C-alpha atoms as a PDB file:
ATOM      1  CA  UNK A   1      71.847 124.193  -1.310  1.00  0.00           C
ATOM      2  CA  UNK A   2      69.228 124.382  -4.047  1.00  0.00           C
ATOM      3  CA  UNK A   3      71.970 124.049  -6.680  1.00  0.00           C
ATOM      4  CA  UNK A   4      73.418 120.937  -5.052  1.00  0.00           C
ATOM      5  CA  UNK A   5      70.270 119.076  -4.000  1.00  0.00           C
ATOM      6  CA  UNK A   6      67.760 120.562  -6.417  1.00  0.00           C
ATOM      7  CA  UNK A   7      65.094 123.169  -5.842  1.00  0.00           C
ATOM      8  CA  UNK A   8      62.224 120.741  -6.192  1.00  0.00           C
ATOM      9  CA  UNK A   9      63.693 118.459  -3.517  1.00  0.00           C
ATOM     10  CA  UNK A  10      63.990 121.341  -1.054  1.00  0.00           C
ATOM     11  CA  UNK A  11      60.473 122.529  -1.841  1.00  0.00           C
ATOM     12  CA  UNK A  12      59.067 119.019  -1.397  1.00  0.00           C
ATOM     13  CA  UNK A  13      60.880 118.510   1.917  1.00  0.00           C
ATOM     14  CA  UNK A  14      59.760 121.897   3.221  1.00  0.00           C
ATOM     15  CA  UNK A  15      56.182 121.263   2.168  1.00  0.00           C
ATOM     16  CA  UNK A  16      56.030 117.830   3.784  1.00  0.00           C
ATOM     17  CA  UNK A  17      57.661 119.152   6.975  1.00  0.00           C
ATOM     18  CA  UNK A  18      55.109 121.958   7.051  1.00  0.00           C
ATOM     19  CA  UNK A  19      52.251 119.496   6.708  1.00  0.00           C
ATOM     20  CA  UNK A  20      53.640 117.267   9.455  1.00  0.00           C
ATOM     21  CA  UNK A  21      54.824 119.943  11.890  1.00  0.00           C
ATOM     22  CA  UNK A  22      52.373 122.842  11.566  1.00  0.00           C
ATOM     23  CA  UNK A  23      50.033 121.651  14.290  1.00  0.00           C
ATOM     24  CA  UNK A  24      52.788 120.485  16.710  1.00  0.00           C
ATOM     25  CA  UNK A  25      54.676 123.765  16.259  1.00  0.00           C
ATOM     26  CA  UNK A  26      51.529 125.793  16.915  1.00  0.00           C
ATOM     27  CA  UNK A  27      50.957 123.668  20.021  1.00  0.00           C
ATOM     28  CA  UNK A  28      54.530 124.309  21.199  1.00  0.00           C
ATOM     29  CA  UNK A  29      54.166 128.053  20.579  1.00  0.00           C
ATOM     30  CA  UNK A  30      50.956 128.073  22.612  1.00  0.00           C
ATOM     31  CA  UNK A  31      53.054 127.341  25.691  1.00  0.00           C
ATOM     32  CA  UNK A  32      53.627 129.878  28.438  1.00  0.00           C
ATOM     33  CA  UNK A  33      57.343 129.092  28.437  1.00  0.00           C
ATOM     34  CA  UNK A  34      59.386 131.537  26.334  1.00  0.00           C
ATOM     35  CA  UNK A  35      61.893 128.832  25.364  1.00  0.00           C
ATOM     36  CA  UNK A  36      59.188 126.706  23.703  1.00  0.00           C
ATOM     37  CA  UNK A  37      57.713 129.725  21.957  1.00  0.00           C
ATOM     38  CA  UNK A  38      61.113 130.639  20.487  1.00  0.00           C
ATOM     39  CA  UNK A  39      61.786 127.019  19.562  1.00  0.00           C
ATOM     40  CA  UNK A  40      58.491 126.741  17.655  1.00  0.00           C
ATOM     41  CA  UNK A  41      59.050 130.028  15.862  1.00  0.00           C
ATOM     42  CA  UNK A  42      62.638 129.098  15.058  1.00  0.00           C
ATOM     43  CA  UNK A  43      61.646 125.772  13.532  1.00  0.00           C
ATOM     44  CA  UNK A  44      58.908 127.456  11.509  1.00  0.00           C
ATOM     45  CA  UNK A  45      61.462 130.024  10.308  1.00  0.00           C
ATOM     46  CA  UNK A  46      63.864 127.288   9.174  1.00  0.00           C
ATOM     47  CA  UNK A  47      61.159 125.381   7.281  1.00  0.00           C
ATOM     48  CA  UNK A  48      59.646 128.482   5.660  1.00  0.00           C
ATOM     49  CA  UNK A  49      63.116 129.900   4.951  1.00  0.00           C
ATOM     50  CA  UNK A  50      64.108 126.747   3.087  1.00  0.00           C
ATOM     51  CA  UNK A  51      60.945 126.959   0.982  1.00  0.00           C
ATOM     52  CA  UNK A  52      61.294 130.671   0.249  1.00  0.00           C
ATOM     53  CA  UNK A  53      64.976 130.260  -0.566  1.00  0.00           C
ATOM     54  CA  UNK A  54      64.341 127.713  -3.324  1.00  0.00           C
ATOM     55  CA  UNK A  55      61.020 129.050  -4.608  1.00  0.00           C
ATOM     56  CA  UNK A  56      62.145 131.996  -6.793  1.00  0.00           C
ATOM     57  CA  UNK A  57      64.629 130.047  -8.900  1.00  0.00           C
ATOM     58  CA  UNK A  58      62.206 127.147  -9.236  1.00  0.00           C
ATOM     59  CA  UNK A  59      59.423 129.459 -10.425  1.00  0.00           C
ATOM     60  CA  UNK A  60      61.699 131.114 -12.977  1.00  0.00           C
ATOM     61  CA  UNK A  61      62.863 127.756 -14.351  1.00  0.00           C
ATOM     62  CA  UNK A  62      59.262 126.725 -15.035  1.00  0.00           C
ATOM     63  CA  UNK A  63      58.640 129.509 -17.555  1.00  0.00           C
ATOM     64  CA  UNK A  64      59.876 130.286 -21.081  1.00  0.00           C
ATOM     65  CA  UNK A  65      62.747 132.758 -21.416  1.00  0.00           C
ATOM     66  CA  UNK A  66      60.729 135.575 -22.953  1.00  0.00           C
ATOM     67  CA  UNK A  67      58.248 135.965 -20.115  1.00  0.00           C
ATOM     68  CA  UNK A  68      60.134 134.726 -17.056  1.00  0.00           C
ATOM     69  CA  UNK A  69      60.386 137.963 -15.120  1.00  0.00           C
ATOM     70  CA  UNK A  70      56.917 139.273 -15.896  1.00  0.00           C
ATOM     71  CA  UNK A  71      55.095 135.985 -15.398  1.00  0.00           C
ATOM     72  CA  UNK A  72      56.961 135.118 -12.202  1.00  0.00           C
ATOM     73  CA  UNK A  73      56.460 138.599 -10.787  1.00  0.00           C
ATOM     74  CA  UNK A  74      52.746 138.651 -11.548  1.00  0.00           C
ATOM     75  CA  UNK A  75      52.073 135.099 -10.366  1.00  0.00           C
ATOM     76  CA  UNK A  76      54.027 135.494  -7.152  1.00  0.00           C
ATOM     77  CA  UNK A  77      52.766 138.930  -6.173  1.00  0.00           C
ATOM     78  CA  UNK A  78      49.102 138.397  -7.034  1.00  0.00           C
ATOM     79  CA  UNK A  79      49.081 135.104  -5.114  1.00  0.00           C
ATOM     80  CA  UNK A  80      50.933 136.650  -2.191  1.00  0.00           C
ATOM     81  CA  UNK A  81      48.567 139.608  -2.139  1.00  0.00           C
ATOM     82  CA  UNK A  82      45.429 137.491  -2.163  1.00  0.00           C
ATOM     83  CA  UNK A  83      46.541 134.581   0.030  1.00  0.00           C
ATOM     84  CA  UNK A  84      48.822 136.609   2.283  1.00  0.00           C
ATOM     85  CA  UNK A  85      46.344 139.445   2.576  1.00  0.00           C
ATOM     86  CA  UNK A  86      43.407 137.233   3.500  1.00  0.00           C
ATOM     87  CA  UNK A  87      45.310 134.829   5.788  1.00  0.00           C
ATOM     88  CA  UNK A  88      45.089 136.899   8.996  1.00  0.00           C
ATOM     89  CA  UNK A  89      41.364 137.399   8.494  1.00  0.00           C
ATOM     90  CA  UNK A  90      40.768 133.704   7.775  1.00  0.00           C
ATOM     91  CA  UNK A  91      42.914 132.654  10.749  1.00  0.00           C
ATOM     92  CA  UNK A  92      40.988 134.977  13.052  1.00  0.00           C
ATOM     93  CA  UNK A  93      37.681 133.648  11.714  1.00  0.00           C
ATOM     94  CA  UNK A  94      38.847 130.049  12.231  1.00  0.00           C
ATOM     95  CA  UNK A  95      39.829 130.699  15.845  1.00  0.00           C
ATOM     96  CA  UNK A  96      36.519 132.461  16.506  1.00  0.00           C
ATOM     97  CA  UNK A  97      34.433 129.844  14.712  1.00  0.00           C
ATOM     98  CA  UNK A  98      36.121 126.742  16.127  1.00  0.00           C
ATOM     99  CA  UNK A  99      37.125 128.135  19.527  1.00  0.00           C
ATOM    100  CA  UNK A 100      40.481 126.424  18.874  1.00  0.00           C
ATOM    101  CA  UNK A 101      43.583 128.597  19.118  1.00  0.00           C
ATOM    102  CA  UNK A 102      45.493 126.043  17.042  1.00  0.00           C
ATOM    103  CA  UNK A 103      43.060 126.115  14.097  1.00  0.00           C
ATOM    104  CA  UNK A 104      45.258 128.380  11.917  1.00  0.00           C
ATOM    105  CA  UNK A 105      47.606 125.406  11.677  1.00  0.00           C
ATOM    106  CA  UNK A 106      44.882 123.601   9.705  1.00  0.00           C
ATOM    107  CA  UNK A 107      44.899 126.438   7.188  1.00  0.00           C
ATOM    108  CA  UNK A 108      48.683 126.090   6.875  1.00  0.00           C
ATOM    109  CA  UNK A 109      48.366 122.328   6.418  1.00  0.00           C
ATOM    110  CA  UNK A 110      45.827 122.814   3.608  1.00  0.00           C
ATOM    111  CA  UNK A 111      48.074 125.378   1.904  1.00  0.00           C
ATOM    112  CA  UNK A 112      51.023 122.970   2.174  1.00  0.00           C
ATOM    113  CA  UNK A 113      48.902 120.167   0.708  1.00  0.00           C
ATOM    114  CA  UNK A 114      48.011 122.373  -2.263  1.00  0.00           C
ATOM    115  CA  UNK A 115      51.690 123.221  -2.703  1.00  0.00           C
ATOM    116  CA  UNK A 116      52.614 119.546  -2.529  1.00  0.00           C
ATOM    117  CA  UNK A 117      50.024 118.702  -5.176  1.00  0.00           C
ATOM    118  CA  UNK A 118      51.362 121.482  -7.424  1.00  0.00           C
ATOM    119  CA  UNK A 119      54.967 120.332  -6.989  1.00  0.00           C
ATOM    120  CA  UNK A 120      54.116 116.710  -7.672  1.00  0.00           C
ATOM    121  CA  UNK A 121      52.132 117.620 -10.788  1.00  0.00           C
ATOM    122  CA  UNK A 122      55.199 119.347 -12.301  1.00  0.00           C
ATOM    123  CA  UNK A 123      56.817 116.637 -14.411  1.00  0.00           C
ATOM    124  CA  UNK A 124      60.240 118.260 -14.787  1.00  0.00           C
END
């Protein structure tokens, strides 16, 4: 799909959908009904899957040929280690601090906004 529509288009759509649907999907998953929980998780999986499917090729295309693998590997893994490693701790702190079980969605919305800004600042 990324080859037909374009990786940037898929990334932009996924990012905007994440910003718009993070809080509603968290709210749906906070239900006591298993159907709604699975529906929220399934929609999150589709949105995140679309982003993660287009991201690697897009990252590689942004870099010069000589350093593509090294630069992409370092940038992706360092960011994933820092952001992904700290996310559970930050989400737990947010829930504790705000007494709002849906507050991790705000963290996801901020991350999506940063991603949107980065995508829009790429002039390719």
